[in-house]
mmCIF file of all heavy atoms, coordinates in Angstrom:
data_MODEL
# 
_entry.id   MODEL 
# 
loop_
_atom_site.group_PDB 
_atom_site.id 
_atom_site.type_symbol 
_atom_site.label_atom_id 
_atom_site.label_alt_id 
_atom_site.label_comp_id 
_atom_site.label_asym_id 
_atom_site.label_entity_id 
_atom_site.label_seq_id 
_atom_site.pdbx_PDB_ins_code 
_atom_site.Cartn_x 
_atom_site.Cartn_y 
_atom_site.Cartn_z 
_atom_site.occupancy 
_atom_site.B_iso_or_equiv 
_atom_site.pdbx_formal_charge 
_atom_site.auth_seq_id 
_atom_site.auth_comp_id 
_atom_site.auth_asym_id 
_atom_site.auth_atom_id 
_atom_site.pdbx_PDB_model_num 
ATOM 1   N N   . ALA A 1 1  ? 52.202 73.982 80.628 1.00 0.00 ? 1  ALA A N   1 
ATOM 2   C CA  . ALA A 1 1  ? 53.742 74.149 80.727 1.00 0.00 ? 1  ALA A CA  1 
ATOM 3   C C   . ALA A 1 1  ? 54.116 73.430 81.905 1.00 0.00 ? 1  ALA A C   1 
ATOM 4   O O   . ALA A 1 1  ? 53.619 73.793 82.996 1.00 0.00 ? 1  ALA A O   1 
ATOM 5   C CB  . ALA A 1 1  ? 54.017 75.750 80.661 1.00 0.00 ? 1  ALA A CB  1 
ATOM 6   N N   . VAL A 1 2  ? 55.082 72.560 81.814 1.00 0.00 ? 2  VAL A N   1 
ATOM 7   C CA  . VAL A 1 2  ? 55.474 71.764 82.787 1.00 0.00 ? 2  VAL A CA  1 
ATOM 8   C C   . VAL A 1 2  ? 56.880 71.964 83.212 1.00 0.00 ? 2  VAL A C   1 
ATOM 9   O O   . VAL A 1 2  ? 57.765 72.014 82.305 1.00 0.00 ? 2  VAL A O   1 
ATOM 10  C CB  . VAL A 1 2  ? 55.406 70.195 82.474 1.00 0.00 ? 2  VAL A CB  1 
ATOM 11  C CG1 . VAL A 1 2  ? 55.751 69.196 83.575 1.00 0.00 ? 2  VAL A CG1 1 
ATOM 12  C CG2 . VAL A 1 2  ? 53.975 69.764 81.965 1.00 0.00 ? 2  VAL A CG2 1 
ATOM 13  N N   . THR A 1 3  ? 57.061 72.155 84.507 1.00 0.00 ? 3  THR A N   1 
ATOM 14  C CA  . THR A 1 3  ? 58.481 72.450 84.823 1.00 0.00 ? 3  THR A CA  1 
ATOM 15  C C   . THR A 1 3  ? 58.835 71.594 86.126 1.00 0.00 ? 3  THR A C   1 
ATOM 16  O O   . THR A 1 3  ? 57.969 71.113 86.735 1.00 0.00 ? 3  THR A O   1 
ATOM 17  C CB  . THR A 1 3  ? 58.829 74.024 85.242 1.00 0.00 ? 3  THR A CB  1 
ATOM 18  O OG1 . THR A 1 3  ? 57.769 74.380 86.171 1.00 0.00 ? 3  THR A OG1 1 
ATOM 19  C CG2 . THR A 1 3  ? 58.652 74.876 84.007 1.00 0.00 ? 3  THR A CG2 1 
ATOM 20  N N   . GLY A 1 4  ? 60.052 71.506 86.455 1.00 0.00 ? 4  GLY A N   1 
ATOM 21  C CA  . GLY A 1 4  ? 60.549 70.602 87.463 1.00 0.00 ? 4  GLY A CA  1 
ATOM 22  C C   . GLY A 1 4  ? 61.774 69.850 87.005 1.00 0.00 ? 4  GLY A C   1 
ATOM 23  O O   . GLY A 1 4  ? 62.469 70.359 86.159 1.00 0.00 ? 4  GLY A O   1 
ATOM 24  N N   . ASP A 1 5  ? 61.699 68.661 87.561 1.00 0.00 ? 5  ASP A N   1 
ATOM 25  C CA  . ASP A 1 5  ? 62.887 67.650 87.030 1.00 0.00 ? 5  ASP A CA  1 
ATOM 26  C C   . ASP A 1 5  ? 62.525 67.215 85.620 1.00 0.00 ? 5  ASP A C   1 
ATOM 27  O O   . ASP A 1 5  ? 61.956 66.225 85.443 1.00 0.00 ? 5  ASP A O   1 
ATOM 28  C CB  . ASP A 1 5  ? 62.994 66.571 88.001 1.00 0.00 ? 5  ASP A CB  1 
ATOM 29  C CG  . ASP A 1 5  ? 64.149 65.498 87.716 1.00 0.00 ? 5  ASP A CG  1 
ATOM 30  O OD1 . ASP A 1 5  ? 64.739 65.721 86.527 1.00 0.00 ? 5  ASP A OD1 1 
ATOM 31  O OD2 . ASP A 1 5  ? 64.445 64.711 88.575 1.00 0.00 ? 5  ASP A OD2 1 
ATOM 32  N N   . LEU A 1 6  ? 62.868 68.029 84.593 1.00 0.00 ? 6  LEU A N   1 
ATOM 33  C CA  . LEU A 1 6  ? 62.355 67.748 83.247 1.00 0.00 ? 6  LEU A CA  1 
ATOM 34  C C   . LEU A 1 6  ? 62.857 66.373 82.747 1.00 0.00 ? 6  LEU A C   1 
ATOM 35  O O   . LEU A 1 6  ? 62.007 65.709 82.120 1.00 0.00 ? 6  LEU A O   1 
ATOM 36  C CB  . LEU A 1 6  ? 62.907 68.800 82.358 1.00 0.00 ? 6  LEU A CB  1 
ATOM 37  C CG  . LEU A 1 6  ? 62.446 70.318 82.557 1.00 0.00 ? 6  LEU A CG  1 
ATOM 38  C CD1 . LEU A 1 6  ? 62.938 71.183 81.421 1.00 0.00 ? 6  LEU A CD1 1 
ATOM 39  C CD2 . LEU A 1 6  ? 60.863 70.272 82.695 1.00 0.00 ? 6  LEU A CD2 1 
ATOM 40  N N   . LEU A 1 7  ? 64.062 65.785 83.045 1.00 0.00 ? 7  LEU A N   1 
ATOM 41  C CA  . LEU A 1 7  ? 64.297 64.386 82.486 1.00 0.00 ? 7  LEU A CA  1 
ATOM 42  C C   . LEU A 1 7  ? 63.363 63.418 83.092 1.00 0.00 ? 7  LEU A C   1 
ATOM 43  O O   . LEU A 1 7  ? 62.811 62.504 82.446 1.00 0.00 ? 7  LEU A O   1 
ATOM 44  C CB  . LEU A 1 7  ? 65.675 64.109 82.805 1.00 0.00 ? 7  LEU A CB  1 
ATOM 45  C CG  . LEU A 1 7  ? 66.818 64.827 82.116 1.00 0.00 ? 7  LEU A CG  1 
ATOM 46  C CD1 . LEU A 1 7  ? 68.161 64.547 82.636 1.00 0.00 ? 7  LEU A CD1 1 
ATOM 47  C CD2 . LEU A 1 7  ? 66.679 64.575 80.638 1.00 0.00 ? 7  LEU A CD2 1 
ATOM 48  N N   . ARG A 1 8  ? 63.179 63.520 84.447 1.00 0.00 ? 8  ARG A N   1 
ATOM 49  C CA  . ARG A 1 8  ? 62.253 62.440 85.071 1.00 0.00 ? 8  ARG A CA  1 
ATOM 50  C C   . ARG A 1 8  ? 60.865 62.664 84.605 1.00 0.00 ? 8  ARG A C   1 
ATOM 51  O O   . ARG A 1 8  ? 60.122 61.633 84.350 1.00 0.00 ? 8  ARG A O   1 
ATOM 52  C CB  . ARG A 1 8  ? 62.340 62.703 86.519 1.00 0.00 ? 8  ARG A CB  1 
ATOM 53  C CG  . ARG A 1 8  ? 61.388 61.750 87.263 1.00 0.00 ? 8  ARG A CG  1 
ATOM 54  C CD  . ARG A 1 8  ? 61.781 61.875 88.844 1.00 0.00 ? 8  ARG A CD  1 
ATOM 55  N NE  . ARG A 1 8  ? 60.978 60.957 89.588 1.00 0.00 ? 8  ARG A NE  1 
ATOM 56  C CZ  . ARG A 1 8  ? 59.870 61.271 90.356 1.00 0.00 ? 8  ARG A CZ  1 
ATOM 57  N NH1 . ARG A 1 8  ? 59.737 62.587 90.633 1.00 0.00 ? 8  ARG A NH1 1 
ATOM 58  N NH2 . ARG A 1 8  ? 59.311 60.420 91.082 1.00 0.00 ? 8  ARG A NH2 1 
ATOM 59  N N   . LEU A 1 9  ? 60.411 63.816 84.464 1.00 0.00 ? 9  LEU A N   1 
ATOM 60  C CA  . LEU A 1 9  ? 59.075 64.182 84.064 1.00 0.00 ? 9  LEU A CA  1 
ATOM 61  C C   . LEU A 1 9  ? 58.860 63.696 82.481 1.00 0.00 ? 9  LEU A C   1 
ATOM 62  O O   . LEU A 1 9  ? 57.843 63.181 82.136 1.00 0.00 ? 9  LEU A O   1 
ATOM 63  C CB  . LEU A 1 9  ? 58.594 65.698 84.169 1.00 0.00 ? 9  LEU A CB  1 
ATOM 64  C CG  . LEU A 1 9  ? 58.593 66.082 85.697 1.00 0.00 ? 9  LEU A CG  1 
ATOM 65  C CD1 . LEU A 1 9  ? 58.538 67.558 85.788 1.00 0.00 ? 9  LEU A CD1 1 
ATOM 66  C CD2 . LEU A 1 9  ? 57.569 65.393 86.469 1.00 0.00 ? 9  LEU A CD2 1 
ATOM 67  N N   . ALA A 1 10 ? 59.758 63.971 81.712 1.00 0.00 ? 10 ALA A N   1 
ATOM 68  C CA  . ALA A 1 10 ? 59.786 63.667 80.321 1.00 0.00 ? 10 ALA A CA  1 
ATOM 69  C C   . ALA A 1 10 ? 59.687 62.198 80.152 1.00 0.00 ? 10 ALA A C   1 
ATOM 70  O O   . ALA A 1 10 ? 58.926 61.533 79.378 1.00 0.00 ? 10 ALA A O   1 
ATOM 71  C CB  . ALA A 1 10 ? 60.919 64.220 79.498 1.00 0.00 ? 10 ALA A CB  1 
ATOM 72  N N   . TRP A 1 11 ? 60.352 61.427 80.985 1.00 0.00 ? 11 TRP A N   1 
ATOM 73  C CA  . TRP A 1 11 ? 60.250 59.915 80.925 1.00 0.00 ? 11 TRP A CA  1 
ATOM 74  C C   . TRP A 1 11 ? 58.888 59.457 81.255 1.00 0.00 ? 11 TRP A C   1 
ATOM 75  O O   . TRP A 1 11 ? 58.401 58.737 80.530 1.00 0.00 ? 11 TRP A O   1 
ATOM 76  C CB  . TRP A 1 11 ? 61.308 59.349 81.904 1.00 0.00 ? 11 TRP A CB  1 
ATOM 77  C CG  . TRP A 1 11 ? 61.374 57.766 81.832 1.00 0.00 ? 11 TRP A CG  1 
ATOM 78  C CD1 . TRP A 1 11 ? 62.076 57.083 80.999 1.00 0.00 ? 11 TRP A CD1 1 
ATOM 79  C CD2 . TRP A 1 11 ? 60.389 56.965 82.474 1.00 0.00 ? 11 TRP A CD2 1 
ATOM 80  N NE1 . TRP A 1 11 ? 61.808 55.759 81.158 1.00 0.00 ? 11 TRP A NE1 1 
ATOM 81  C CE2 . TRP A 1 11 ? 60.771 55.632 81.994 1.00 0.00 ? 11 TRP A CE2 1 
ATOM 82  C CE3 . TRP A 1 11 ? 59.392 56.939 83.467 1.00 0.00 ? 11 TRP A CE3 1 
ATOM 83  C CZ2 . TRP A 1 11 ? 60.187 54.531 82.487 1.00 0.00 ? 11 TRP A CZ2 1 
ATOM 84  C CZ3 . TRP A 1 11 ? 58.694 55.798 83.870 1.00 0.00 ? 11 TRP A CZ3 1 
ATOM 85  C CH2 . TRP A 1 11 ? 59.171 54.496 83.496 1.00 0.00 ? 11 TRP A CH2 1 
ATOM 86  N N   . HIS A 1 12 ? 58.330 60.027 82.255 1.00 0.00 ? 12 HIS A N   1 
ATOM 87  C CA  . HIS A 1 12 ? 56.909 59.505 82.625 1.00 0.00 ? 12 HIS A CA  1 
ATOM 88  C C   . HIS A 1 12 ? 55.868 59.995 81.573 1.00 0.00 ? 12 HIS A C   1 
ATOM 89  O O   . HIS A 1 12 ? 54.917 59.263 81.290 1.00 0.00 ? 12 HIS A O   1 
ATOM 90  C CB  . HIS A 1 12 ? 56.517 60.195 84.018 1.00 0.00 ? 12 HIS A CB  1 
ATOM 91  C CG  . HIS A 1 12 ? 57.179 59.458 85.218 1.00 0.00 ? 12 HIS A CG  1 
ATOM 92  N ND1 . HIS A 1 12 ? 56.686 58.341 85.668 1.00 0.00 ? 12 HIS A ND1 1 
ATOM 93  C CD2 . HIS A 1 12 ? 58.265 59.738 85.910 1.00 0.00 ? 12 HIS A CD2 1 
ATOM 94  C CE1 . HIS A 1 12 ? 57.435 57.860 86.607 1.00 0.00 ? 12 HIS A CE1 1 
ATOM 95  N NE2 . HIS A 1 12 ? 58.356 58.685 86.750 1.00 0.00 ? 12 HIS A NE2 1 
ATOM 96  N N   . ILE A 1 13 ? 56.051 61.156 80.983 1.00 0.00 ? 13 ILE A N   1 
ATOM 97  C CA  . ILE A 1 13 ? 55.115 61.574 79.953 1.00 0.00 ? 13 ILE A CA  1 
ATOM 98  C C   . ILE A 1 13 ? 55.331 60.639 78.755 1.00 0.00 ? 13 ILE A C   1 
ATOM 99  O O   . ILE A 1 13 ? 54.351 60.185 78.171 1.00 0.00 ? 13 ILE A O   1 
ATOM 100 C CB  . ILE A 1 13 ? 55.478 63.093 79.554 1.00 0.00 ? 13 ILE A CB  1 
ATOM 101 C CG1 . ILE A 1 13 ? 55.013 64.011 80.480 1.00 0.00 ? 13 ILE A CG1 1 
ATOM 102 C CG2 . ILE A 1 13 ? 54.863 63.493 78.135 1.00 0.00 ? 13 ILE A CG2 1 
ATOM 103 C CD1 . ILE A 1 13 ? 55.530 65.438 80.459 1.00 0.00 ? 13 ILE A CD1 1 
ATOM 104 N N   . GLY A 1 14 ? 56.596 60.373 78.311 1.00 0.00 ? 14 GLY A N   1 
ATOM 105 C CA  . GLY A 1 14 ? 56.859 59.418 77.232 1.00 0.00 ? 14 GLY A CA  1 
ATOM 106 C C   . GLY A 1 14 ? 56.310 58.017 77.435 1.00 0.00 ? 14 GLY A C   1 
ATOM 107 O O   . GLY A 1 14 ? 55.833 57.281 76.532 1.00 0.00 ? 14 GLY A O   1 
ATOM 108 N N   . ASN A 1 15 ? 56.388 57.572 78.720 1.00 0.00 ? 15 ASN A N   1 
ATOM 109 C CA  . ASN A 1 15 ? 55.977 56.195 79.006 1.00 0.00 ? 15 ASN A CA  1 
ATOM 110 C C   . ASN A 1 15 ? 54.494 56.162 78.868 1.00 0.00 ? 15 ASN A C   1 
ATOM 111 O O   . ASN A 1 15 ? 54.032 54.976 78.756 1.00 0.00 ? 15 ASN A O   1 
ATOM 112 C CB  . ASN A 1 15 ? 56.358 55.903 80.541 1.00 0.00 ? 15 ASN A CB  1 
ATOM 113 C CG  . ASN A 1 15 ? 56.284 54.444 80.894 1.00 0.00 ? 15 ASN A CG  1 
ATOM 114 O OD1 . ASN A 1 15 ? 56.567 53.634 80.149 1.00 0.00 ? 15 ASN A OD1 1 
ATOM 115 N ND2 . ASN A 1 15 ? 55.683 54.139 82.054 1.00 0.00 ? 15 ASN A ND2 1 
ATOM 116 N N   . ARG A 1 16 ? 53.828 57.217 78.756 1.00 0.00 ? 16 ARG A N   1 
ATOM 117 C CA  . ARG A 1 16 ? 52.366 57.178 78.637 1.00 0.00 ? 16 ARG A CA  1 
ATOM 118 C C   . ARG A 1 16 ? 51.970 57.495 77.141 1.00 0.00 ? 16 ARG A C   1 
ATOM 119 O O   . ARG A 1 16 ? 50.876 57.862 76.951 1.00 0.00 ? 16 ARG A O   1 
ATOM 120 C CB  . ARG A 1 16 ? 51.554 58.032 79.714 1.00 0.00 ? 16 ARG A CB  1 
ATOM 121 C CG  . ARG A 1 16 ? 51.574 57.366 80.993 1.00 0.00 ? 16 ARG A CG  1 
ATOM 122 C CD  . ARG A 1 16 ? 51.701 58.181 82.117 1.00 0.00 ? 16 ARG A CD  1 
ATOM 123 N NE  . ARG A 1 16 ? 51.776 57.464 83.377 1.00 0.00 ? 16 ARG A NE  1 
ATOM 124 C CZ  . ARG A 1 16 ? 52.854 57.031 84.019 1.00 0.00 ? 16 ARG A CZ  1 
ATOM 125 N NH1 . ARG A 1 16 ? 54.144 57.242 83.323 1.00 0.00 ? 16 ARG A NH1 1 
ATOM 126 N NH2 . ARG A 1 16 ? 52.860 56.389 85.045 1.00 0.00 ? 16 ARG A NH2 1 
ATOM 127 N N   . HIS A 1 17 ? 52.996 57.547 76.375 1.00 0.00 ? 17 HIS A N   1 
ATOM 128 C CA  . HIS A 1 17 ? 52.813 57.929 74.911 1.00 0.00 ? 17 HIS A CA  1 
ATOM 129 C C   . HIS A 1 17 ? 51.981 59.154 74.622 1.00 0.00 ? 17 HIS A C   1 
ATOM 130 O O   . HIS A 1 17 ? 51.150 59.336 73.830 1.00 0.00 ? 17 HIS A O   1 
ATOM 131 C CB  . HIS A 1 17 ? 52.074 56.794 74.165 1.00 0.00 ? 17 HIS A CB  1 
ATOM 132 C CG  . HIS A 1 17 ? 52.877 55.549 74.115 1.00 0.00 ? 17 HIS A CG  1 
ATOM 133 N ND1 . HIS A 1 17 ? 53.703 55.258 73.077 1.00 0.00 ? 17 HIS A ND1 1 
ATOM 134 C CD2 . HIS A 1 17 ? 52.984 54.541 75.030 1.00 0.00 ? 17 HIS A CD2 1 
ATOM 135 C CE1 . HIS A 1 17 ? 54.271 54.020 73.280 1.00 0.00 ? 17 HIS A CE1 1 
ATOM 136 N NE2 . HIS A 1 17 ? 53.907 53.603 74.482 1.00 0.00 ? 17 HIS A NE2 1 
ATOM 137 N N   . THR A 1 18 ? 52.327 60.081 75.660 1.00 0.00 ? 18 THR A N   1 
ATOM 138 C CA  . THR A 1 18 ? 51.720 61.502 75.568 1.00 0.00 ? 18 THR A CA  1 
ATOM 139 C C   . THR A 1 18 ? 52.559 62.395 74.756 1.00 0.00 ? 18 THR A C   1 
ATOM 140 O O   . THR A 1 18 ? 53.766 62.515 74.829 1.00 0.00 ? 18 THR A O   1 
ATOM 141 C CB  . THR A 1 18 ? 51.501 62.045 76.975 1.00 0.00 ? 18 THR A CB  1 
ATOM 142 O OG1 . THR A 1 18 ? 50.653 61.196 77.750 1.00 0.00 ? 18 THR A OG1 1 
ATOM 143 C CG2 . THR A 1 18 ? 50.818 63.445 76.923 1.00 0.00 ? 18 THR A CG2 1 
ATOM 144 N N   . PRO A 1 19 ? 51.920 62.976 73.598 1.00 0.00 ? 19 PRO A N   1 
ATOM 145 C CA  . PRO A 1 19 ? 52.722 63.978 72.731 1.00 0.00 ? 19 PRO A CA  1 
ATOM 146 C C   . PRO A 1 19 ? 53.189 65.087 73.747 1.00 0.00 ? 19 PRO A C   1 
ATOM 147 O O   . PRO A 1 19 ? 52.616 65.557 74.587 1.00 0.00 ? 19 PRO A O   1 
ATOM 148 C CB  . PRO A 1 19 ? 51.753 64.515 71.791 1.00 0.00 ? 19 PRO A CB  1 
ATOM 149 C CG  . PRO A 1 19 ? 50.666 63.467 71.793 1.00 0.00 ? 19 PRO A CG  1 
ATOM 150 C CD  . PRO A 1 19 ? 50.499 62.782 73.147 1.00 0.00 ? 19 PRO A CD  1 
ATOM 151 N N   . CYS A 1 20 ? 54.504 65.446 73.399 1.00 0.00 ? 20 CYS A N   1 
ATOM 152 C CA  . CYS A 1 20 ? 55.202 66.340 74.227 1.00 0.00 ? 20 CYS A CA  1 
ATOM 153 C C   . CYS A 1 20 ? 56.105 67.343 73.428 1.00 0.00 ? 20 CYS A C   1 
ATOM 154 O O   . CYS A 1 20 ? 56.889 66.779 72.673 1.00 0.00 ? 20 CYS A O   1 
ATOM 155 C CB  . CYS A 1 20 ? 56.080 65.652 75.363 1.00 0.00 ? 20 CYS A CB  1 
ATOM 156 S SG  . CYS A 1 20 ? 56.965 66.814 76.560 1.00 0.00 ? 20 CYS A SG  1 
ATOM 157 N N   . GLN A 1 21 ? 56.031 68.476 73.652 1.00 0.00 ? 21 GLN A N   1 
ATOM 158 C CA  . GLN A 1 21 ? 56.824 69.485 72.988 1.00 0.00 ? 21 GLN A CA  1 
ATOM 159 C C   . GLN A 1 21 ? 57.939 69.749 74.068 1.00 0.00 ? 21 GLN A C   1 
ATOM 160 O O   . GLN A 1 21 ? 57.738 70.192 75.220 1.00 0.00 ? 21 GLN A O   1 
ATOM 161 C CB  . GLN A 1 21 ? 56.051 70.860 72.788 1.00 0.00 ? 21 GLN A CB  1 
ATOM 162 C CG  . GLN A 1 21 ? 56.840 71.990 72.017 1.00 0.00 ? 21 GLN A CG  1 
ATOM 163 C CD  . GLN A 1 21 ? 55.843 73.134 71.810 1.00 0.00 ? 21 GLN A CD  1 
ATOM 164 O OE1 . GLN A 1 21 ? 54.720 72.853 71.361 1.00 0.00 ? 21 GLN A OE1 1 
ATOM 165 N NE2 . GLN A 1 21 ? 56.240 74.409 72.085 1.00 0.00 ? 21 GLN A NE2 1 
ATOM 166 N N   . ILE A 1 22 ? 59.229 69.548 73.607 1.00 0.00 ? 22 ILE A N   1 
ATOM 167 C CA  . ILE A 1 22 ? 60.320 69.655 74.513 1.00 0.00 ? 22 ILE A CA  1 
ATOM 168 C C   . ILE A 1 22 ? 61.119 70.959 74.275 1.00 0.00 ? 22 ILE A C   1 
ATOM 169 O O   . ILE A 1 22 ? 61.637 71.156 73.127 1.00 0.00 ? 22 ILE A O   1 
ATOM 170 C CB  . ILE A 1 22 ? 61.325 68.482 74.325 1.00 0.00 ? 22 ILE A CB  1 
ATOM 171 C CG1 . ILE A 1 22 ? 60.524 67.110 74.679 1.00 0.00 ? 22 ILE A CG1 1 
ATOM 172 C CG2 . ILE A 1 22 ? 62.430 68.542 75.209 1.00 0.00 ? 22 ILE A CG2 1 
ATOM 173 C CD1 . ILE A 1 22 ? 61.132 65.910 74.261 1.00 0.00 ? 22 ILE A CD1 1 
ATOM 174 N N   . GLU A 1 23 ? 61.263 71.778 75.356 1.00 0.00 ? 23 GLU A N   1 
ATOM 175 C CA  . GLU A 1 23 ? 61.949 73.033 75.246 1.00 0.00 ? 23 GLU A CA  1 
ATOM 176 C C   . GLU A 1 23 ? 62.957 72.916 76.318 1.00 0.00 ? 23 GLU A C   1 
ATOM 177 O O   . GLU A 1 23 ? 62.858 72.202 77.369 1.00 0.00 ? 23 GLU A O   1 
ATOM 178 C CB  . GLU A 1 23 ? 61.002 74.197 75.344 1.00 0.00 ? 23 GLU A CB  1 
ATOM 179 C CG  . GLU A 1 23 ? 59.978 74.230 74.351 1.00 0.00 ? 23 GLU A CG  1 
ATOM 180 C CD  . GLU A 1 23 ? 58.827 75.356 74.506 1.00 0.00 ? 23 GLU A CD  1 
ATOM 181 O OE1 . GLU A 1 23 ? 58.979 76.149 75.485 1.00 0.00 ? 23 GLU A OE1 1 
ATOM 182 O OE2 . GLU A 1 23 ? 57.921 75.374 73.607 1.00 0.00 ? 23 GLU A OE2 1 
ATOM 183 N N   . PRO A 1 24 ? 64.003 73.988 76.268 1.00 0.00 ? 24 PRO A N   1 
ATOM 184 C CA  . PRO A 1 24 ? 65.109 73.852 77.298 1.00 0.00 ? 24 PRO A CA  1 
ATOM 185 C C   . PRO A 1 24 ? 64.607 74.139 78.723 1.00 0.00 ? 24 PRO A C   1 
ATOM 186 O O   . PRO A 1 24 ? 65.188 73.394 79.618 1.00 0.00 ? 24 PRO A O   1 
ATOM 187 C CB  . PRO A 1 24 ? 66.016 75.127 76.810 1.00 0.00 ? 24 PRO A CB  1 
ATOM 188 C CG  . PRO A 1 24 ? 65.652 75.192 75.323 1.00 0.00 ? 24 PRO A CG  1 
ATOM 189 C CD  . PRO A 1 24 ? 64.243 74.817 75.205 1.00 0.00 ? 24 PRO A CD  1 
ATOM 190 N N   . GLU A 1 25 ? 63.602 74.936 78.978 1.00 0.00 ? 25 GLU A N   1 
ATOM 191 C CA  . GLU A 1 25 ? 63.217 75.177 80.288 1.00 0.00 ? 25 GLU A CA  1 
ATOM 192 C C   . GLU A 1 25 ? 61.850 74.586 80.612 1.00 0.00 ? 25 GLU A C   1 
ATOM 193 O O   . GLU A 1 25 ? 61.342 74.836 81.955 1.00 0.00 ? 25 GLU A O   1 
ATOM 194 C CB  . GLU A 1 25 ? 63.144 76.773 80.468 1.00 0.00 ? 25 GLU A CB  1 
ATOM 195 C CG  . GLU A 1 25 ? 64.475 77.434 80.220 1.00 0.00 ? 25 GLU A CG  1 
ATOM 196 C CD  . GLU A 1 25 ? 65.601 77.101 81.132 1.00 0.00 ? 25 GLU A CD  1 
ATOM 197 O OE1 . GLU A 1 25 ? 65.268 76.942 82.270 1.00 0.00 ? 25 GLU A OE1 1 
ATOM 198 O OE2 . GLU A 1 25 ? 66.713 77.037 80.579 1.00 0.00 ? 25 GLU A OE2 1 
# 
């Protein structure tokens, strides 16, 4: 479960083509 600056972290996760479940928090 990853928390922090979600927009920035989601960008880095997506940039590595890592599957990600996106939730509000």
